[in-house]
Protein backbone atom coordinates (compact mmCIF):
# COMPACT_ATOMS: atom_id res chain seq x y z
CA MET A 1 -4.71 12.83 -14.22
CA THR A 2 -4.76 9.58 -16.12
CA GLN A 3 -3.94 6.08 -15.02
CA SER A 4 -0.26 5.32 -15.47
CA HIS A 5 0.60 1.80 -16.58
CA ASP A 6 4.38 1.82 -16.24
CA HIS A 7 4.54 0.47 -12.70
CA LYS A 8 7.24 -2.24 -12.40
CA SER A 9 6.91 -3.57 -8.92
CA HIS A 10 8.88 -6.78 -9.45
CA GLU A 11 11.78 -5.16 -11.24
CA HIS A 12 12.68 -2.88 -8.36
CA HIS A 13 11.45 -4.91 -5.40
CA PRO A 14 13.45 -8.13 -5.47
CA HIS A 15 11.94 -9.28 -2.19
CA GLY A 16 8.33 -9.06 -3.25
CA THR A 17 5.77 -11.72 -2.51
CA ASP A 18 5.40 -13.00 -6.08
CA HIS A 19 7.71 -15.48 -7.81
CA VAL A 20 7.72 -16.63 -11.43
CA ASP A 21 9.15 -20.12 -12.06
CA ASN A 22 10.97 -21.37 -15.16
CA CYS A 23 7.69 -22.35 -16.81
CA GLY A 24 6.28 -18.86 -16.48
CA HIS A 25 3.86 -19.75 -13.67
CA GLN A 26 3.45 -17.13 -10.96
CA HIS A 27 3.44 -18.26 -7.34
CA THR A 28 2.78 -16.17 -4.25
CA ARG A 29 5.34 -16.48 -1.49
CA THR A 30 4.24 -16.26 2.11
CA ASP A 31 5.28 -12.93 3.61
CA TRP A 32 6.40 -14.29 6.96
CA LEU A 33 7.32 -10.87 8.37
CA LEU A 34 3.90 -9.43 7.56
CA TRP A 35 1.82 -12.37 8.77
CA GLY A 36 4.08 -13.05 11.77
CA SER A 37 3.74 -9.42 12.86
CA ILE A 38 -0.05 -9.55 12.39
CA LEU A 39 -0.30 -12.77 14.44
CA ILE A 40 1.57 -11.10 17.31
CA LEU A 41 0.00 -7.67 17.02
CA LEU A 42 -3.68 -8.63 16.77
CA PRO A 43 -3.96 -10.60 20.04
CA ALA A 44 -1.70 -8.11 21.84
CA TYR A 45 -3.87 -5.22 20.63
CA THR A 46 -7.06 -7.04 21.66
CA ILE A 47 -5.70 -7.77 25.13
CA GLY A 48 -4.44 -4.22 25.56
CA LEU A 49 -7.79 -2.79 24.50
CA LEU A 50 -10.15 -5.14 26.34
CA SER A 51 -8.06 -6.41 29.29
CA PRO A 52 -5.33 -3.79 29.87
CA THR A 53 -4.39 -5.12 33.32
CA LEU A 54 -3.94 -8.73 32.21
CA GLY A 55 -0.59 -10.38 32.98
CA SER A 56 2.60 -9.05 34.54
CA GLU A 57 3.70 -5.42 34.47
CA ASN A 58 5.90 -6.11 31.43
CA ILE A 59 3.02 -7.72 29.54
CA HIS A 60 0.74 -4.85 30.51
CA THR A 61 3.28 -2.31 29.24
CA PHE A 62 3.77 -4.27 26.02
CA THR A 63 0.07 -4.53 25.17
CA ALA A 64 -0.66 -0.95 26.26
CA THR A 65 2.13 0.32 24.02
CA ILE A 66 0.79 -1.71 21.12
CA VAL A 67 -2.60 -0.02 21.54
CA GLU A 68 -1.03 3.43 21.94
CA LEU A 69 1.17 3.16 18.85
CA VAL A 70 -1.58 1.69 16.67
CA HIS A 71 -3.91 4.54 17.64
CA ARG A 72 -1.19 7.09 16.89
CA MET A 73 -0.06 5.63 13.59
CA TRP A 74 -3.14 4.28 11.82
CA TRP A 75 -4.29 7.60 10.37
CA GLY A 76 -0.85 8.46 9.01
CA ILE A 77 -0.53 5.06 7.34
CA LEU A 78 -4.07 5.32 5.94
CA LEU A 79 -3.48 8.80 4.51
CA GLY A 80 -0.16 7.60 3.14
CA MET A 81 -1.91 4.72 1.37
CA ILE A 82 -4.45 7.11 -0.14
CA ALA A 83 -1.65 9.41 -1.31
CA VAL A 84 0.16 6.42 -2.84
CA GLY A 85 -3.03 5.37 -4.63
CA ILE A 86 -3.47 8.89 -6.05
CA LEU A 87 0.19 9.09 -7.11
CA THR A 88 -0.30 5.87 -9.08
CA HIS A 89 -2.63 7.83 -11.39
CA ILE A 90 -0.22 10.70 -11.95
CA PRO A 91 2.15 10.13 -14.90
CA ARG A 92 5.86 10.23 -14.17
CA GLU A 93 6.28 13.27 -16.40
CA PHE A 94 4.06 15.30 -14.08
CA ILE A 95 5.97 14.23 -10.95
CA ILE A 96 9.35 15.00 -12.52
CA ALA A 97 8.12 18.36 -13.81
CA MET A 98 6.78 19.31 -10.37
CA LEU A 99 10.02 18.36 -8.62
CA GLY A 100 12.24 19.82 -11.36
CA ARG A 101 12.97 18.20 -14.70
CA ASN A 102 16.74 18.44 -14.23
CA GLY A 103 16.84 17.70 -10.52
CA GLY A 104 19.54 19.92 -9.05
CA ILE A 105 19.27 22.38 -6.17
CA ASN A 106 15.93 23.70 -7.40
CA GLY A 107 14.48 20.18 -7.35
CA LEU A 108 15.87 19.60 -3.85
CA PHE A 109 14.25 22.81 -2.56
CA ARG A 110 10.93 21.69 -4.05
CA ALA A 111 11.25 18.26 -2.44
CA VAL A 112 12.08 19.80 0.95
CA GLY A 113 9.15 22.21 0.60
CA ALA A 114 6.82 19.31 -0.11
CA GLY A 115 8.17 17.46 2.91
CA LEU A 116 7.77 20.45 5.22
CA PHE A 117 4.18 21.19 4.27
CA LEU A 118 2.78 17.67 3.86
CA ASP A 119 0.95 16.94 7.11
CA LEU A 120 1.64 13.23 7.58
CA CYS A 121 3.43 11.24 10.26
CA SER A 122 6.76 9.60 9.46
CA HIS A 123 5.11 6.39 8.29
CA GLY A 124 2.74 8.08 5.87
CA ILE A 125 5.69 10.15 4.60
CA LEU A 126 7.67 6.96 3.93
CA LEU A 127 4.86 5.59 1.78
CA VAL A 128 4.68 8.80 -0.24
CA GLY A 129 8.47 9.11 -0.51
CA MET A 130 8.90 5.64 -1.91
CA LYS A 131 6.07 6.23 -4.38
CA LEU A 132 7.82 9.41 -5.54
CA TYR A 133 10.91 7.29 -6.21
CA GLU A 134 8.83 4.84 -8.22
CA ARG A 135 7.36 7.76 -10.18
CA GLY A 136 10.81 9.07 -11.15
CA ALA A 137 12.11 11.47 -8.48
CA THR A 138 15.88 11.42 -8.08
CA ILE A 139 17.28 9.58 -5.06
CA GLY A 140 18.46 12.94 -3.71
CA GLN A 141 14.97 14.41 -3.94
CA VAL A 142 13.51 11.41 -2.13
CA ILE A 143 16.10 11.66 0.66
CA ALA A 144 15.57 15.42 0.99
CA PHE A 145 11.81 14.83 1.15
CA LEU A 146 12.16 12.14 3.84
CA VAL A 147 14.71 13.95 6.00
CA ALA A 148 12.74 17.22 5.98
CA SER A 149 9.30 15.83 6.65
CA PRO A 150 8.60 13.41 9.51
CA TRP A 151 8.28 15.78 12.48
CA ASN A 152 7.84 19.00 10.46
CA SER A 153 4.17 18.53 9.67
CA PHE A 154 1.84 21.42 10.44
CA SER A 155 0.18 19.67 13.37
CA LEU A 156 3.45 18.63 15.02
CA THR A 157 4.91 22.09 14.48
CA LEU A 158 2.07 23.51 16.57
CA VAL A 159 2.79 20.90 19.24
CA LEU A 160 6.47 21.81 19.26
CA ILE A 161 5.71 25.53 19.55
CA ALA A 162 3.57 24.77 22.60
CA LEU A 163 6.31 22.62 24.14
CA ILE A 164 9.52 24.52 23.41
CA GLY A 165 8.47 27.90 22.05
CA LEU A 166 8.42 29.55 18.63
CA LYS A 167 12.15 30.44 18.52
CA TRP A 168 13.45 26.93 19.04
CA THR A 169 10.79 25.41 16.78
CA LEU A 170 11.68 27.68 13.85
CA LEU A 171 15.39 27.09 14.40
CA PHE A 172 14.89 23.31 14.40
CA ILE A 173 12.84 23.50 11.18
CA VAL A 174 15.44 25.62 9.38
CA LEU A 175 18.30 23.38 10.48
CA SER A 176 16.45 20.23 9.44
CA ALA A 177 15.81 21.75 6.01
CA VAL A 178 19.53 22.56 5.68
CA ILE A 179 20.45 18.95 6.49
CA ALA A 180 17.81 17.68 4.05
CA ILE A 181 19.13 19.81 1.17
CA ILE A 182 22.78 18.96 1.84
CA SER A 183 21.99 15.25 2.16
CA GLY A 184 19.90 15.23 -1.02
CA TRP A 185 22.64 17.07 -2.91
CA ILE A 186 25.26 14.53 -1.77
CA PHE A 187 23.02 11.60 -2.75
CA ASP A 188 22.44 13.04 -6.23
CA LEU A 189 26.17 13.78 -6.59
CA LEU A 190 27.06 10.19 -5.64
CA ALA A 191 24.50 8.93 -8.15
CA GLU A 192 26.03 11.12 -10.87
CA LYS A 193 29.50 9.79 -9.99
CA GLY A 194 28.28 6.18 -10.14
CA VAL A 195 28.90 5.50 -6.44
CA LEU A 196 25.16 4.99 -5.97
CA PRO A 197 22.76 3.83 -8.69
CA LYS A 198 20.54 6.38 -10.38
CA ASN A 199 16.78 5.98 -10.19
CA PRO A 200 15.90 3.62 -13.06
CA ASN A 201 12.33 4.97 -13.05
CA ARG A 202 13.37 8.43 -14.20
CA VAL A 203 12.42 9.51 -17.72
CA ASP A 204 13.54 12.42 -19.89
CA LEU A 205 10.87 15.05 -20.42
CA ASP A 206 9.92 16.38 -23.81
CA PRO A 207 11.39 19.93 -24.07
CA ASN A 208 7.94 21.12 -25.14
CA PHE A 209 6.25 19.64 -22.03
CA VAL A 210 4.67 22.46 -20.00
CA LEU A 211 3.31 21.34 -16.64
CA ALA A 212 0.59 24.02 -16.35
CA THR A 213 -0.73 23.36 -19.86
CA GLU A 214 -0.68 19.57 -19.51
CA SER A 215 -2.30 19.76 -16.07
CA LYS A 216 -5.21 21.81 -17.45
CA LYS A 217 -5.73 19.26 -20.20
CA ALA A 218 -5.63 16.37 -17.74
CA PHE A 219 -8.11 17.96 -15.33
CA LYS A 220 -10.54 18.80 -18.14
CA ALA A 221 -10.50 15.20 -19.34
CA PHE A 222 -10.62 13.73 -15.83
CA LYS A 223 -13.81 12.37 -14.23
CA PHE A 224 -14.34 11.14 -10.67
CA THR A 225 -15.90 7.71 -11.06
CA PRO A 226 -16.50 4.77 -8.71
CA ALA A 227 -13.83 2.86 -10.61
CA TRP A 228 -11.33 5.64 -9.89
CA TYR A 229 -12.05 5.59 -6.16
CA LYS A 230 -11.77 1.79 -6.16
CA SER A 231 -8.41 1.92 -7.91
CA ILE A 232 -7.14 4.44 -5.32
CA LEU A 233 -7.96 1.95 -2.58
CA VAL A 234 -6.64 -1.13 -4.41
CA ASN A 235 -3.39 0.48 -5.58
CA GLY A 236 -2.81 2.14 -2.23
CA VAL A 237 -3.10 -1.16 -0.35
CA LYS A 238 -1.12 -3.14 -2.92
CA ASP A 239 1.77 -0.70 -3.28
CA SER A 240 2.02 -0.04 0.46
CA ARG A 241 2.09 -3.66 1.55
CA MET A 242 5.86 -4.05 1.59
CA LEU A 243 6.18 -0.99 3.86
CA VAL A 244 3.26 -1.78 6.17
CA ARG A 245 4.96 -5.01 7.26
CA TRP A 246 7.91 -2.96 8.55
CA PHE A 247 5.56 -0.59 10.36
CA LEU A 248 3.90 -3.51 12.13
CA PHE A 249 7.26 -5.03 12.99
CA GLY A 250 8.42 -1.63 14.27
CA ILE A 251 5.38 -1.34 16.54
CA ILE A 252 6.14 -4.73 18.07
CA LEU A 253 9.84 -4.00 18.51
CA ALA A 254 9.23 -0.59 20.06
CA SER A 255 6.65 -2.08 22.43
CA LEU A 256 9.09 -4.77 23.54
CA ILE A 257 11.76 -2.14 24.19
CA ARG A 258 9.38 0.03 26.21
CA ALA A 259 8.23 -3.00 28.19
CA PHE A 260 11.72 -4.25 29.11
CA VAL A 261 13.96 -1.14 28.91
CA ASP A 262 13.56 1.61 31.49
CA THR A 263 13.32 4.99 29.75
CA GLU A 264 12.68 7.06 32.89
CA THR A 265 16.40 7.63 33.46
CA PHE A 266 16.84 9.39 30.12
CA GLY A 267 16.20 12.83 31.57
CA THR A 268 19.10 12.54 34.04
CA LEU A 269 21.55 11.04 31.56
CA PHE A 270 21.02 13.26 28.53
CA GLY A 271 22.71 16.49 29.55
CA PRO A 272 24.44 18.87 27.08
CA THR A 273 27.66 16.83 27.01
CA LEU A 274 29.26 14.58 24.41
CA ALA A 275 28.25 11.57 26.51
CA GLY A 276 24.69 12.85 26.73
CA LEU A 277 24.62 13.48 22.98
CA GLY A 278 25.93 9.97 22.34
CA LEU A 279 23.25 8.46 24.55
CA THR A 280 20.64 10.55 22.75
CA ILE A 281 21.71 9.13 19.39
CA ILE A 282 21.58 5.59 20.76
CA ALA A 283 18.14 6.18 22.30
CA ALA A 284 16.79 7.75 19.10
CA THR A 285 18.04 4.79 17.08
CA ILE A 286 16.39 2.29 19.41
CA ILE A 287 13.07 3.82 20.40
CA GLU A 288 12.10 6.17 17.54
CA VAL A 289 9.00 4.75 15.93
CA CYS A 290 6.68 7.63 15.21
CA SER A 291 7.19 11.36 15.01
CA GLU A 292 4.31 11.98 17.41
CA GLY A 293 6.05 9.92 20.07
CA SER A 294 9.48 11.53 19.61
CA THR A 295 8.29 15.14 19.84
CA PRO A 296 7.49 15.29 23.61
CA ILE A 297 10.71 13.42 24.44
CA ALA A 298 12.73 15.91 22.40
CA ALA A 299 10.97 18.74 24.21
CA ASP A 300 11.90 17.25 27.58
CA LEU A 301 15.54 17.03 26.52
CA LEU A 302 15.49 20.76 25.78
CA THR A 303 13.49 22.01 28.74
CA ARG A 304 14.38 19.59 31.55
CA ALA A 305 17.89 18.47 30.55
CA ASN A 306 18.75 21.96 29.22
CA ALA A 307 20.21 20.30 26.09
CA PRO A 308 18.65 21.81 22.95
CA GLY A 309 21.17 20.02 20.77
CA ASN A 310 20.09 16.69 22.23
CA GLY A 311 16.46 17.54 21.55
CA PHE A 312 17.28 18.36 17.93
CA ALA A 313 19.43 15.23 17.63
CA PHE A 314 16.63 13.07 19.01
CA LEU A 315 14.25 14.30 16.34
CA MET A 316 16.75 14.12 13.48
CA ALA A 317 18.65 10.96 14.44
CA GLY A 318 15.36 9.14 14.69
CA VAL A 319 14.92 9.94 11.00
CA ALA A 320 18.54 9.29 10.00
CA THR A 321 19.00 5.99 11.82
CA ASP A 322 15.47 4.60 12.10
CA TYR A 323 15.52 0.97 10.99
CA THR A 324 12.10 1.29 9.35
CA GLU A 325 13.32 4.12 7.14
CA VAL A 326 16.57 2.33 6.24
CA LEU A 327 14.77 -0.92 5.42
CA THR A 328 12.12 0.91 3.41
CA ILE A 329 14.74 2.63 1.25
CA LYS A 330 16.40 -0.75 0.72
CA GLU A 331 13.09 -2.29 -0.34
CA ALA A 332 12.31 0.56 -2.74
CA THR A 333 15.74 0.77 -4.37
CA GLY A 334 16.77 -2.86 -4.04
CA ARG A 335 20.17 -1.76 -2.67
CA TRP A 336 21.49 -2.00 0.87
CA LYS A 337 24.23 0.42 -0.14
CA THR A 338 21.78 3.20 -0.92
CA ALA A 339 19.86 2.60 2.31
CA LEU A 340 22.95 2.58 4.54
CA PHE A 341 24.20 5.83 3.03
CA LEU A 342 21.24 7.55 4.76
CA PRO A 343 22.78 7.43 8.28
CA LEU A 344 26.31 7.70 6.84
CA ILE A 345 25.54 11.08 5.25
CA THR A 346 22.95 12.59 7.59
CA LEU A 347 24.15 11.54 11.03
CA PRO A 348 27.49 13.47 11.00
CA GLN A 349 25.60 16.65 10.11
CA VAL A 350 23.15 16.06 12.95
CA LEU A 351 25.98 15.52 15.45
CA VAL A 352 27.83 18.69 14.45
CA ILE A 353 24.73 20.89 14.64
CA ALA A 354 23.57 19.28 17.91
CA TRP A 355 26.97 19.81 19.53
CA ALA A 356 26.95 23.46 18.41
CA LEU A 357 23.45 24.00 19.86
CA ASN A 358 24.50 22.48 23.19
CA GLN A 359 27.62 24.65 23.33
CA ALA A 360 25.58 27.77 22.61
CA SER A 361 23.25 26.95 25.49
CA LEU A 362 25.99 26.59 28.10
């Protein structure tokens, strides 16, 4: 588990905060989105925490939502940063070997398995997913990992079982894994055909490279030192910065929507009809910010609106159309085309399965 020195942040992140001029001098650009979000979020969080009744009802809802979402999301983002810092120390060869040296269906199943069992919220998962891309995973593996993971963590699975029962929970998990594998396979196929760019971080493994043998050697030579812990923290913060700004912006946007858009009518509008399914997709696109917040709403769609397909669509469409996820993929790959293919490929699958679930429940 040695320090890897092949990180190329500027090559693949064209909108980074550093700029090199013609004379070779490096200048730091102001990240207006990050600092603007912080300047809005900090006072709003302070007001919501210390003076929750201050201002009008809209202001109260806005600041209270800021506090709620920060308290829900901070641990996932922190764990994601730690995971990113640890991944920085793992050579690309190890990552590629673990996910499958040749990619393919086997690699997609491994990526989906990792997504299903990694107990992080959607924001921590995004941090890890983008780091996997930087360490050489195929774009299909990254997409499969992201689509399978956000609400399928162990803790949220237990919540879902309590809310909708074991049968529906298991069915939702299996169907989400199917969508993740199909989507990842299509992404890798498009990359092979040249429609989408391949991951430039991928390297070819030595045919004699054996993961188990190399792992034993690495662990024997590895020592936990204060410098190692420090590098975990420094690399985690540094490599997560471009994503954290979108998380902060997402918190603000979601809080504004909750403050000024009435969500109480959702339960009466989202029946098991095509119109109800369409409204569900629109709602998931607008208000999905964290997996913890989407789970109880999805449960209500199943139990109160008697629309299991809408509940599934709310969970999955939040992943497929979430602006944070789309923008994060764009930042990591440097391509809008790759990012926009996420909803283009996954959303039709979600709609078909959701419609079938609703029809089966009638």
